[in-house]
Amino acid sequence: MQQSALHSARKLPVPVRSALEQLLGRPLNDDEAISVRAYGPQEAPTLEEQAAIAEQLRHYFARIDERAADLSDNEQEEILDEAIRSVRPGYKPIH
């Protein structure tokens, strides 16, 4: 069974296009593509699984904190700014 579909807005039937525009809260442009994806329900992790995941994250972040212990606050800020700029080139830090 197909789980996703890509459609040209130009080729959508009027009722379908209207419904999508209502969901999006704006008109569609003819040159836009619409992606539709269906997701099945997923079981939430049990409380025990959540606790185990939280513990793993605590250990992970503790290791990161250990590696950053010798860095000044300014160095840490510079590293974060550089990482953000690598994915958002126009980023300007607010200090």
PDB file of N, CA and C in Angstrom:
ATOM      1  N   MET A   1       0.838  -1.187   0.000  1.00  0.00           N
ATOM      2  CA  MET A   1       0.000   0.000   0.000  1.00  0.00           C
ATOM      3  C   MET A   1       0.882   1.249   0.000  1.00  0.00           C
ATOM      4  N   GLN A   2       0.554   2.206  -0.831  1.00  0.00           N
ATOM      5  CA  GLN A   2       1.326   3.432  -0.949  1.00  0.00           C
ATOM      6  C   GLN A   2       1.200   4.268   0.319  1.00  0.00           C
ATOM      7  N   GLN A   3       2.355   4.759   0.830  1.00  0.00           N
ATOM      8  CA  GLN A   3       2.377   5.543   2.052  1.00  0.00           C
ATOM      9  C   GLN A   3       2.540   7.044   1.795  1.00  0.00           C
ATOM     10  N   SER A   4       2.994   7.405   0.588  1.00  0.00           N
ATOM     11  CA  SER A   4       3.170   8.827   0.299  1.00  0.00           C
ATOM     12  C   SER A   4       2.893   9.091  -1.172  1.00  0.00           C
ATOM     13  N   ALA A   5       2.650  10.358  -1.478  1.00  0.00           N
ATOM     14  CA  ALA A   5       2.364  10.746  -2.861  1.00  0.00           C
ATOM     15  C   ALA A   5       2.804  12.183  -3.068  1.00  0.00           C
ATOM     16  N   LEU A   6       3.212  12.485  -4.299  1.00  0.00           N
ATOM     17  CA  LEU A   6       3.597  13.838  -4.675  1.00  0.00           C
ATOM     18  C   LEU A   6       2.704  14.261  -5.835  1.00  0.00           C
ATOM     19  N   HIS A   7       2.069  15.425  -5.701  1.00  0.00           N
ATOM     20  CA  HIS A   7       1.117  15.893  -6.705  1.00  0.00           C
ATOM     21  C   HIS A   7       1.430  17.327  -7.095  1.00  0.00           C
ATOM     22  N   SER A   8       1.194  17.651  -8.350  1.00  0.00           N
ATOM     23  CA  SER A   8       1.307  19.020  -8.832  1.00  0.00           C
ATOM     24  C   SER A   8       0.033  19.762  -8.454  1.00  0.00           C
ATOM     25  N   ALA A   9       0.177  20.928  -7.854  1.00  0.00           N
ATOM     26  CA  ALA A   9      -1.001  21.715  -7.467  1.00  0.00           C
ATOM     27  C   ALA A   9      -1.861  22.019  -8.686  1.00  0.00           C
ATOM     28  N   ARG A  10      -1.236  22.248  -9.822  1.00  0.00           N
ATOM     29  CA  ARG A  10      -1.944  22.583 -11.060  1.00  0.00           C
ATOM     30  C   ARG A  10      -2.919  21.475 -11.467  1.00  0.00           C
ATOM     31  N   LYS A  11      -2.561  20.219 -11.178  1.00  0.00           N
ATOM     32  CA  LYS A  11      -3.359  19.082 -11.636  1.00  0.00           C
ATOM     33  C   LYS A  11      -4.370  18.575 -10.607  1.00  0.00           C
ATOM     34  N   LEU A  12      -4.440  19.203  -9.453  1.00  0.00           N
ATOM     35  CA  LEU A  12      -5.365  18.745  -8.421  1.00  0.00           C
ATOM     36  C   LEU A  12      -6.807  19.088  -8.791  1.00  0.00           C
ATOM     37  N   PRO A  13      -7.735  18.173  -8.540  1.00  0.00           N
ATOM     38  CA  PRO A  13      -9.154  18.509  -8.718  1.00  0.00           C
ATOM     39  C   PRO A  13      -9.535  19.644  -7.757  1.00  0.00           C
ATOM     40  N   VAL A  14     -10.456  20.476  -8.173  1.00  0.00           N
ATOM     41  CA  VAL A  14     -10.840  21.657  -7.392  1.00  0.00           C
ATOM     42  C   VAL A  14     -11.200  21.320  -5.939  1.00  0.00           C
ATOM     43  N   PRO A  15     -12.027  20.291  -5.671  1.00  0.00           N
ATOM     44  CA  PRO A  15     -12.364  20.018  -4.265  1.00  0.00           C
ATOM     45  C   PRO A  15     -11.135  19.613  -3.434  1.00  0.00           C
ATOM     46  N   VAL A  16     -10.228  18.868  -4.045  1.00  0.00           N
ATOM     47  CA  VAL A  16      -9.013  18.444  -3.336  1.00  0.00           C
ATOM     48  C   VAL A  16      -8.125  19.653  -3.074  1.00  0.00           C
ATOM     49  N   ARG A  17      -7.953  20.481  -4.078  1.00  0.00           N
ATOM     50  CA  ARG A  17      -7.133  21.688  -3.929  1.00  0.00           C
ATOM     51  C   ARG A  17      -7.712  22.601  -2.847  1.00  0.00           C
ATOM     52  N   SER A  18      -9.019  22.764  -2.843  1.00  0.00           N
ATOM     53  CA  SER A  18      -9.665  23.608  -1.826  1.00  0.00           C
ATOM     54  C   SER A  18      -9.435  23.052  -0.424  1.00  0.00           C
ATOM     55  N   ALA A  19      -9.549  21.743  -0.296  1.00  0.00           N
ATOM     56  CA  ALA A  19      -9.340  21.120   1.018  1.00  0.00           C
ATOM     57  C   ALA A  19      -7.896  21.322   1.479  1.00  0.00           C
ATOM     58  N   LEU A  20      -6.931  21.147   0.578  1.00  0.00           N
ATOM     59  CA  LEU A  20      -5.528  21.350   0.929  1.00  0.00           C
ATOM     60  C   LEU A  20      -5.237  22.801   1.288  1.00  0.00           C
ATOM     61  N   GLU A  21      -5.817  23.724   0.542  1.00  0.00           N
ATOM     62  CA  GLU A  21      -5.627  25.139   0.851  1.00  0.00           C
ATOM     63  C   GLU A  21      -6.206  25.475   2.217  1.00  0.00           C
ATOM     64  N   GLN A  22      -7.318  24.856   2.555  1.00  0.00           N
ATOM     65  CA  GLN A  22      -7.911  25.084   3.869  1.00  0.00           C
ATOM     66  C   GLN A  22      -6.991  24.530   4.959  1.00  0.00           C
ATOM     67  N   LEU A  23      -6.412  23.335   4.736  1.00  0.00           N
ATOM     68  CA  LEU A  23      -5.496  22.753   5.719  1.00  0.00           C
ATOM     69  C   LEU A  23      -4.237  23.600   5.883  1.00  0.00           C
ATOM     70  N   LEU A  24      -3.719  24.107   4.755  1.00  0.00           N
ATOM     71  CA  LEU A  24      -2.503  24.916   4.796  1.00  0.00           C
ATOM     72  C   LEU A  24      -2.760  26.332   5.289  1.00  0.00           C
ATOM     73  N   GLY A  25      -3.976  26.794   5.120  1.00  0.00           N
ATOM     74  CA  GLY A  25      -4.309  28.155   5.534  1.00  0.00           C
ATOM     75  C   GLY A  25      -3.853  29.210   4.546  1.00  0.00           C
ATOM     76  N   ARG A  26      -3.653  28.783   3.292  1.00  0.00           N
ATOM     77  CA  ARG A  26      -3.231  29.726   2.250  1.00  0.00           C
ATOM     78  C   ARG A  26      -3.512  29.123   0.884  1.00  0.00           C
ATOM     79  N   PRO A  27      -3.593  29.976  -0.147  1.00  0.00           N
ATOM     80  CA  PRO A  27      -3.799  29.456  -1.503  1.00  0.00           C
ATOM     81  C   PRO A  27      -2.546  28.746  -2.002  1.00  0.00           C
ATOM     82  N   LEU A  28      -2.740  27.768  -2.853  1.00  0.00           N
ATOM     83  CA  LEU A  28      -1.629  27.076  -3.502  1.00  0.00           C
ATOM     84  C   LEU A  28      -1.287  27.779  -4.805  1.00  0.00           C
ATOM     85  N   ASN A  29      -0.015  27.828  -5.136  1.00  0.00           N
ATOM     86  CA  ASN A  29       0.429  28.325  -6.432  1.00  0.00           C
ATOM     87  C   ASN A  29       0.446  27.150  -7.398  1.00  0.00           C
ATOM     88  N   ASP A  30       0.136  27.404  -8.656  1.00  0.00           N
ATOM     89  CA  ASP A  30       0.101  26.328  -9.653  1.00  0.00           C
ATOM     90  C   ASP A  30       1.437  25.608  -9.789  1.00  0.00           C
ATOM     91  N   ASP A  31       2.545  26.294  -9.543  1.00  0.00           N
ATOM     92  CA  ASP A  31       3.853  25.667  -9.713  1.00  0.00           C
ATOM     93  C   ASP A  31       4.337  24.919  -8.471  1.00  0.00           C
ATOM     94  N   GLU A  32       3.506  24.841  -7.440  1.00  0.00           N
ATOM     95  CA  GLU A  32       3.891  24.126  -6.229  1.00  0.00           C
ATOM     96  C   GLU A  32       3.589  22.635  -6.352  1.00  0.00           C
ATOM     97  N   ALA A  33       4.377  21.844  -5.629  1.00  0.00           N
ATOM     98  CA  ALA A  33       4.124  20.411  -5.515  1.00  0.00           C
ATOM     99  C   ALA A  33       3.619  20.141  -4.106  1.00  0.00           C
ATOM    100  N   ILE A  34       2.706  19.208  -4.005  1.00  0.00           N
ATOM    101  CA  ILE A  34       2.109  18.853  -2.725  1.00  0.00           C
ATOM    102  C   ILE A  34       2.539  17.432  -2.393  1.00  0.00           C
ATOM    103  N   SER A  35       3.068  17.263  -1.205  1.00  0.00           N
ATOM    104  CA  SER A  35       3.471  15.946  -0.731  1.00  0.00           C
ATOM    105  C   SER A  35       2.509  15.525   0.364  1.00  0.00           C
ATOM    106  N   VAL A  36       1.982  14.323   0.224  1.00  0.00           N
ATOM    107  CA  VAL A  36       1.049  13.793   1.213  1.00  0.00           C
ATOM    108  C   VAL A  36       1.637  12.497   1.746  1.00  0.00           C
ATOM    109  N   ARG A  37       1.653  12.342   3.048  1.00  0.00           N
ATOM    110  CA  ARG A  37       2.224  11.139   3.659  1.00  0.00           C
ATOM    111  C   ARG A  37       1.292  10.651   4.753  1.00  0.00           C
ATOM    112  N   ALA A  38       1.056   9.351   4.774  1.00  0.00           N
ATOM    113  CA  ALA A  38       0.209   8.739   5.804  1.00  0.00           C
ATOM    114  C   ALA A  38       1.104   8.007   6.799  1.00  0.00           C
ATOM    115  N   TYR A  39       0.820   8.166   8.069  1.00  0.00           N
ATOM    116  CA  TYR A  39       1.573   7.515   9.137  1.00  0.00           C
ATOM    117  C   TYR A  39       0.628   6.635   9.940  1.00  0.00           C
ATOM    118  N   GLY A  40       1.086   5.449  10.224  1.00  0.00           N
ATOM    119  CA  GLY A  40       0.322   4.572  11.092  1.00  0.00           C
ATOM    120  C   GLY A  40       0.551   4.934  12.547  1.00  0.00           C
ATOM    121  N   PRO A  41      -0.340   4.502  13.409  1.00  0.00           N
ATOM    122  CA  PRO A  41      -0.159   4.794  14.833  1.00  0.00           C
ATOM    123  C   PRO A  41       1.090   4.096  15.358  1.00  0.00           C
ATOM    124  N   GLN A  42       1.734   4.720  16.327  1.00  0.00           N
ATOM    125  CA  GLN A  42       2.916   4.147  16.938  1.00  0.00           C
ATOM    126  C   GLN A  42       2.703   4.075  18.436  1.00  0.00           C
ATOM    127  N   GLU A  43       3.172   2.991  18.996  1.00  0.00           N
ATOM    128  CA  GLU A  43       3.073   2.819  20.442  1.00  0.00           C
ATOM    129  C   GLU A  43       4.111   3.693  21.140  1.00  0.00           C
ATOM    130  N   ALA A  44       3.691   4.359  22.181  1.00  0.00           N
ATOM    131  CA  ALA A  44       4.629   5.141  22.987  1.00  0.00           C
ATOM    132  C   ALA A  44       5.502   4.175  23.783  1.00  0.00           C
ATOM    133  N   PRO A  45       6.761   4.554  24.027  1.00  0.00           N
ATOM    134  CA  PRO A  45       7.605   3.686  24.840  1.00  0.00           C
ATOM    135  C   PRO A  45       7.013   3.526  26.243  1.00  0.00           C
ATOM    136  N   THR A  46       7.253   2.381  26.838  1.00  0.00           N
ATOM    137  CA  THR A  46       6.784   2.149  28.203  1.00  0.00           C
ATOM    138  C   THR A  46       7.543   3.083  29.147  1.00  0.00           C
ATOM    139  N   LEU A  47       7.060   3.216  30.373  1.00  0.00           N
ATOM    140  CA  LEU A  47       7.754   4.056  31.351  1.00  0.00           C
ATOM    141  C   LEU A  47       9.173   3.555  31.585  1.00  0.00           C
ATOM    142  N   GLU A  48       9.353   2.231  31.585  1.00  0.00           N
ATOM    143  CA  GLU A  48      10.688   1.661  31.781  1.00  0.00           C
ATOM    144  C   GLU A  48      11.603   2.026  30.606  1.00  0.00           C
ATOM    145  N   GLU A  49      11.066   1.942  29.390  1.00  0.00           N
ATOM    146  CA  GLU A  49      11.862   2.315  28.218  1.00  0.00           C
ATOM    147  C   GLU A  49      12.203   3.800  28.235  1.00  0.00           C
ATOM    148  N   GLN A  50      11.242   4.627  28.636  1.00  0.00           N
ATOM    149  CA  GLN A  50      11.500   6.063  28.730  1.00  0.00           C
ATOM    150  C   GLN A  50      12.602   6.349  29.746  1.00  0.00           C
ATOM    151  N   ALA A  51      12.549   5.662  30.875  1.00  0.00           N
ATOM    152  CA  ALA A  51      13.568   5.855  31.909  1.00  0.00           C
ATOM    153  C   ALA A  51      14.945   5.427  31.397  1.00  0.00           C
ATOM    154  N   ALA A  52      15.010   4.323  30.678  1.00  0.00           N
ATOM    155  CA  ALA A  52      16.290   3.840  30.136  1.00  0.00           C
ATOM    156  C   ALA A  52      16.845   4.829  29.113  1.00  0.00           C
ATOM    157  N   ILE A  53      15.987   5.348  28.249  1.00  0.00           N
ATOM    158  CA  ILE A  53      16.410   6.332  27.252  1.00  0.00           C
ATOM    159  C   ILE A  53      16.905   7.600  27.939  1.00  0.00           C
ATOM    160  N   ALA A  54      16.187   8.064  28.957  1.00  0.00           N
ATOM    161  CA  ALA A  54      16.590   9.268  29.686  1.00  0.00           C
ATOM    162  C   ALA A  54      17.958   9.061  30.332  1.00  0.00           C
ATOM    163  N   GLU A  55      18.199   7.877  30.873  1.00  0.00           N
ATOM    164  CA  GLU A  55      19.495   7.578  31.492  1.00  0.00           C
ATOM    165  C   GLU A  55      20.615   7.577  30.448  1.00  0.00           C
ATOM    166  N   GLN A  56      20.344   7.006  29.288  1.00  0.00           N
ATOM    167  CA  GLN A  56      21.335   7.016  28.206  1.00  0.00           C
ATOM    168  C   GLN A  56      21.665   8.450  27.784  1.00  0.00           C
ATOM    169  N   LEU A  57      20.633   9.290  27.709  1.00  0.00           N
ATOM    170  CA  LEU A  57      20.867  10.690  27.351  1.00  0.00           C
ATOM    171  C   LEU A  57      21.677  11.417  28.423  1.00  0.00           C
ATOM    172  N   ARG A  58      21.397  11.137  29.685  1.00  0.00           N
ATOM    173  CA  ARG A  58      22.173  11.763  30.765  1.00  0.00           C
ATOM    174  C   ARG A  58      23.653  11.398  30.649  1.00  0.00           C
ATOM    175  N   HIS A  59      23.943  10.122  30.382  1.00  0.00           N
ATOM    176  CA  HIS A  59      25.339   9.686  30.219  1.00  0.00           C
ATOM    177  C   HIS A  59      25.975  10.346  28.995  1.00  0.00           C
ATOM    178  N   TYR A  60      25.230  10.408  27.904  1.00  0.00           N
ATOM    179  CA  TYR A  60      25.737  11.014  26.678  1.00  0.00           C
ATOM    180  C   TYR A  60      26.102  12.478  26.913  1.00  0.00           C
ATOM    181  N   PHE A  61      25.197  13.236  27.516  1.00  0.00           N
ATOM    182  CA  PHE A  61      25.456  14.656  27.748  1.00  0.00           C
ATOM    183  C   PHE A  61      26.543  14.866  28.800  1.00  0.00           C
ATOM    184  N   ALA A  62      26.666  13.960  29.761  1.00  0.00           N
ATOM    185  CA  ALA A  62      27.758  14.060  30.739  1.00  0.00           C
ATOM    186  C   ALA A  62      29.106  13.912  30.041  1.00  0.00           C
ATOM    187  N   ARG A  63      29.205  12.991  29.063  1.00  0.00           N
ATOM    188  CA  ARG A  63      30.456  12.829  28.308  1.00  0.00           C
ATOM    189  C   ARG A  63      30.770  14.094  27.514  1.00  0.00           C
ATOM    190  N   ILE A  64      29.748  14.697  26.921  1.00  0.00           N
ATOM    191  CA  ILE A  64      29.959  15.946  26.179  1.00  0.00           C
ATOM    192  C   ILE A  64      30.416  17.043  27.132  1.00  0.00           C
ATOM    193  N   ASP A  65      29.781  17.137  28.293  1.00  0.00           N
ATOM    194  CA  ASP A  65      30.172  18.153  29.279  1.00  0.00           C
ATOM    195  C   ASP A  65      31.626  17.969  29.714  1.00  0.00           C
ATOM    196  N   GLU A  66      32.067  16.719  29.879  1.00  0.00           N
ATOM    197  CA  GLU A  66      33.456  16.451  30.265  1.00  0.00           C
ATOM    198  C   GLU A  66      34.418  16.973  29.203  1.00  0.00           C
ATOM    199  N   ARG A  67      34.075  16.751  27.938  1.00  0.00           N
ATOM    200  CA  ARG A  67      34.946  17.190  26.843  1.00  0.00           C
ATOM    201  C   ARG A  67      34.999  18.712  26.747  1.00  0.00           C
ATOM    202  N   ALA A  68      33.953  19.382  27.177  1.00  0.00           N
ATOM    203  CA  ALA A  68      33.886  20.839  27.067  1.00  0.00           C
ATOM    204  C   ALA A  68      34.336  21.540  28.344  1.00  0.00           C
ATOM    205  N   ALA A  69      34.735  20.775  29.349  1.00  0.00           N
ATOM    206  CA  ALA A  69      35.071  21.368  30.645  1.00  0.00           C
ATOM    207  C   ALA A  69      36.231  22.350  30.559  1.00  0.00           C
ATOM    208  N   ASP A  70      37.176  22.124  29.642  1.00  0.00           N
ATOM    209  CA  ASP A  70      38.350  22.993  29.530  1.00  0.00           C
ATOM    210  C   ASP A  70      38.106  24.220  28.653  1.00  0.00           C
ATOM    211  N   LEU A  71      36.934  24.326  28.070  1.00  0.00           N
ATOM    212  CA  LEU A  71      36.632  25.452  27.187  1.00  0.00           C
ATOM    213  C   LEU A  71      35.992  26.587  27.975  1.00  0.00           C
ATOM    214  N   SER A  72      36.386  27.807  27.633  1.00  0.00           N
ATOM    215  CA  SER A  72      35.750  28.962  28.267  1.00  0.00           C
ATOM    216  C   SER A  72      34.338  29.123  27.714  1.00  0.00           C
ATOM    217  N   ASP A  73      33.552  29.919  28.398  1.00  0.00           N
ATOM    218  CA  ASP A  73      32.191  30.194  27.911  1.00  0.00           C
ATOM    219  C   ASP A  73      32.229  30.813  26.521  1.00  0.00           C
ATOM    220  N   ASN A  74      33.204  31.720  26.281  1.00  0.00           N
ATOM    221  CA  ASN A  74      33.315  32.358  24.968  1.00  0.00           C
ATOM    222  C   ASN A  74      33.633  31.333  23.891  1.00  0.00           C
ATOM    223  N   GLU A  75      34.551  30.396  24.192  1.00  0.00           N
ATOM    224  CA  GLU A  75      34.885  29.367  23.206  1.00  0.00           C
ATOM    225  C   GLU A  75      33.675  28.489  22.896  1.00  0.00           C
ATOM    226  N   GLN A  76      32.923  28.151  23.930  1.00  0.00           N
ATOM    227  CA  GLN A  76      31.720  27.348  23.721  1.00  0.00           C
ATOM    228  C   GLN A  76      30.722  28.093  22.850  1.00  0.00           C
ATOM    229  N   GLU A  77      30.534  29.383  23.106  1.00  0.00           N
ATOM    230  CA  GLU A  77      29.616  30.200  22.301  1.00  0.00           C
ATOM    231  C   GLU A  77      30.079  30.265  20.847  1.00  0.00           C
ATOM    232  N   GLU A  78      31.394  30.427  20.634  1.00  0.00           N
ATOM    233  CA  GLU A  78      31.931  30.483  19.277  1.00  0.00           C
ATOM    234  C   GLU A  78      31.688  29.174  18.533  1.00  0.00           C
ATOM    235  N   ILE A  79      31.861  28.054  19.216  1.00  0.00           N
ATOM    236  CA  ILE A  79      31.629  26.740  18.606  1.00  0.00           C
ATOM    237  C   ILE A  79      30.165  26.587  18.221  1.00  0.00           C
ATOM    238  N   LEU A  80      29.268  26.983  19.118  1.00  0.00           N
ATOM    239  CA  LEU A  80      27.838  26.906  18.822  1.00  0.00           C
ATOM    240  C   LEU A  80      27.464  27.815  17.658  1.00  0.00           C
ATOM    241  N   ASP A  81      27.996  29.048  17.668  1.00  0.00           N
ATOM    242  CA  ASP A  81      27.707  29.978  16.568  1.00  0.00           C
ATOM    243  C   ASP A  81      28.187  29.419  15.235  1.00  0.00           C
ATOM    244  N   GLU A  82      29.391  28.827  15.230  1.00  0.00           N
ATOM    245  CA  GLU A  82      29.926  28.246  13.993  1.00  0.00           C
ATOM    246  C   GLU A  82      29.052  27.097  13.498  1.00  0.00           C
ATOM    247  N   ALA A  83      28.583  26.254  14.427  1.00  0.00           N
ATOM    248  CA  ALA A  83      27.725  25.131  14.051  1.00  0.00           C
ATOM    249  C   ALA A  83      26.406  25.633  13.464  1.00  0.00           C
ATOM    250  N   ILE A  84      25.838  26.658  14.076  1.00  0.00           N
ATOM    251  CA  ILE A  84      24.572  27.208  13.580  1.00  0.00           C
ATOM    252  C   ILE A  84      24.776  27.836  12.205  1.00  0.00           C
ATOM    253  N   ARG A  85      25.890  28.592  12.033  1.00  0.00           N
ATOM    254  CA  ARG A  85      26.158  29.223  10.735  1.00  0.00           C
ATOM    255  C   ARG A  85      26.373  28.188   9.635  1.00  0.00           C
ATOM    256  N   SER A  86      26.853  26.991   9.998  1.00  0.00           N
ATOM    257  CA  SER A  86      27.085  25.964   8.976  1.00  0.00           C
ATOM    258  C   SER A  86      25.775  25.479   8.360  1.00  0.00           C
ATOM    259  N   VAL A  87      24.670  25.584   9.101  1.00  0.00           N
ATOM    260  CA  VAL A  87      23.374  25.177   8.553  1.00  0.00           C
ATOM    261  C   VAL A  87      22.470  26.367   8.250  1.00  0.00           C
ATOM    262  N   ARG A  88      22.801  27.522   8.796  1.00  0.00           N
ATOM    263  CA  ARG A  88      22.053  28.762   8.537  1.00  0.00           C
ATOM    264  C   ARG A  88      23.050  29.881   8.260  1.00  0.00           C
ATOM    265  N   PRO A  89      23.530  29.965   7.003  1.00  0.00           N
ATOM    266  CA  PRO A  89      24.608  30.906   6.680  1.00  0.00           C
ATOM    267  C   PRO A  89      24.338  32.360   7.054  1.00  0.00           C
ATOM    268  N   GLY A  90      23.099  32.789   7.070  1.00  0.00           N
ATOM    269  CA  GLY A  90      22.789  34.176   7.409  1.00  0.00           C
ATOM    270  C   GLY A  90      22.651  34.441   8.895  1.00  0.00           C
ATOM    271  N   TYR A  91      22.925  33.432   9.735  1.00  0.00           N
ATOM    272  CA  TYR A  91      22.741  33.555  11.180  1.00  0.00           C
ATOM    273  C   TYR A  91      23.657  34.621  11.773  1.00  0.00           C
ATOM    274  N   LYS A  92      23.094  35.461  12.613  1.00  0.00           N
ATOM    275  CA  LYS A  92      23.869  36.455  13.353  1.00  0.00           C
ATOM    276  C   LYS A  92      23.546  36.283  14.829  1.00  0.00           C
ATOM    277  N   PRO A  93      24.562  35.982  15.640  1.00  0.00           N
ATOM    278  CA  PRO A  93      24.313  35.764  17.069  1.00  0.00           C
ATOM    279  C   PRO A  93      23.838  37.041  17.759  1.00  0.00           C
ATOM    280  N   ILE A  94      23.036  36.866  18.769  1.00  0.00           N
ATOM    281  CA  ILE A  94      22.558  37.977  19.594  1.00  0.00           C
ATOM    282  C   ILE A  94      23.322  37.914  20.903  1.00  0.00           C
ATOM    283  N   HIS A  95      24.096  38.919  21.161  1.00  0.00           N
ATOM    284  CA  HIS A  95      24.904  38.944  22.410  1.00  0.00           C
ATOM    285  C   HIS A  95      24.597  40.158  23.217  1.00  0.00           C
TER     286      HIS A  95
END
